[in-house]
Protein backbone atom coordinates (compact mmCIF):
# COMPACT_ATOMS: atom_id res chain seq x y z
CA MET A 1 -20.32 -70.78 56.32
CA GLU A 2 -23.51 -70.96 58.33
CA HIS A 3 -23.42 -73.18 61.39
CA ASN A 4 -25.91 -75.74 62.75
CA ASN A 5 -27.25 -74.56 66.11
CA SER A 6 -27.89 -78.21 67.09
CA ILE A 7 -24.24 -79.36 66.71
CA GLY A 8 -21.79 -77.64 69.03
CA CYS A 9 -18.10 -78.28 68.20
CA THR A 10 -14.77 -76.93 69.52
CA VAL A 11 -12.57 -78.87 67.06
CA ASP A 12 -11.41 -75.97 64.88
CA GLU A 13 -9.04 -78.24 62.97
CA CYS A 14 -12.04 -79.88 61.28
CA LYS A 15 -13.02 -78.84 57.78
CA PHE A 16 -16.68 -78.51 58.89
CA HIS A 17 -16.03 -76.32 61.96
CA CYS A 18 -17.64 -72.88 61.70
CA LYS A 19 -14.67 -70.53 61.91
CA HIS A 20 -16.74 -67.79 63.54
CA ASP A 21 -17.98 -69.75 66.59
CA ASP A 22 -17.97 -73.21 68.22
CA TYR A 23 -20.44 -75.00 65.99
CA CYS A 24 -20.43 -77.53 63.12
CA THR A 25 -21.60 -76.52 59.64
CA LEU A 26 -22.92 -79.98 58.71
CA ASN A 27 -26.63 -80.81 58.82
CA LYS A 28 -25.87 -84.20 60.37
CA ILE A 29 -22.83 -85.93 61.85
CA GLU A 30 -21.94 -89.60 62.25
CA VAL A 31 -20.92 -90.72 65.73
CA ILE A 32 -18.75 -93.84 65.72
CA LYS A 33 -17.40 -96.19 68.43
CA HIS A 34 -14.03 -97.89 68.86
CA GLU A 35 -15.19 -100.83 70.95
CA SER A 36 -17.92 -103.40 70.34
CA VAL A 37 -19.76 -101.85 73.32
CA ALA A 38 -19.15 -98.18 74.08
CA LYS A 39 -19.06 -97.74 77.84
CA THR A 40 -17.32 -94.36 78.09
CA GLN A 41 -17.16 -91.12 76.13
CA GLU A 42 -13.59 -92.03 75.10
CA CYS A 43 -14.94 -95.02 73.13
CA THR A 44 -16.73 -92.66 70.71
CA ASP A 45 -15.68 -90.10 68.07
CA CYS A 46 -17.14 -87.87 65.41
CA GLY A 47 -16.90 -89.99 62.24
CA SER A 48 -17.66 -86.88 60.13
CA PHE A 49 -14.34 -85.23 61.08
CA LYS A 50 -12.11 -84.21 58.16
CA THR A 51 -8.97 -82.12 58.30
CA SER A 52 -9.23 -78.66 56.84
């Protein structure tokens, strides 16, 4: 799979991770939050993540 140079990713457990390097293969990802107001990085996640 070809990767997207604009989306770096080190989560190789994800279905969309490029297995050849640390990038995502999606054209776009959805970033989600766990709190009503995200104040730290830990309050957010990649909503596009799917297990491989």
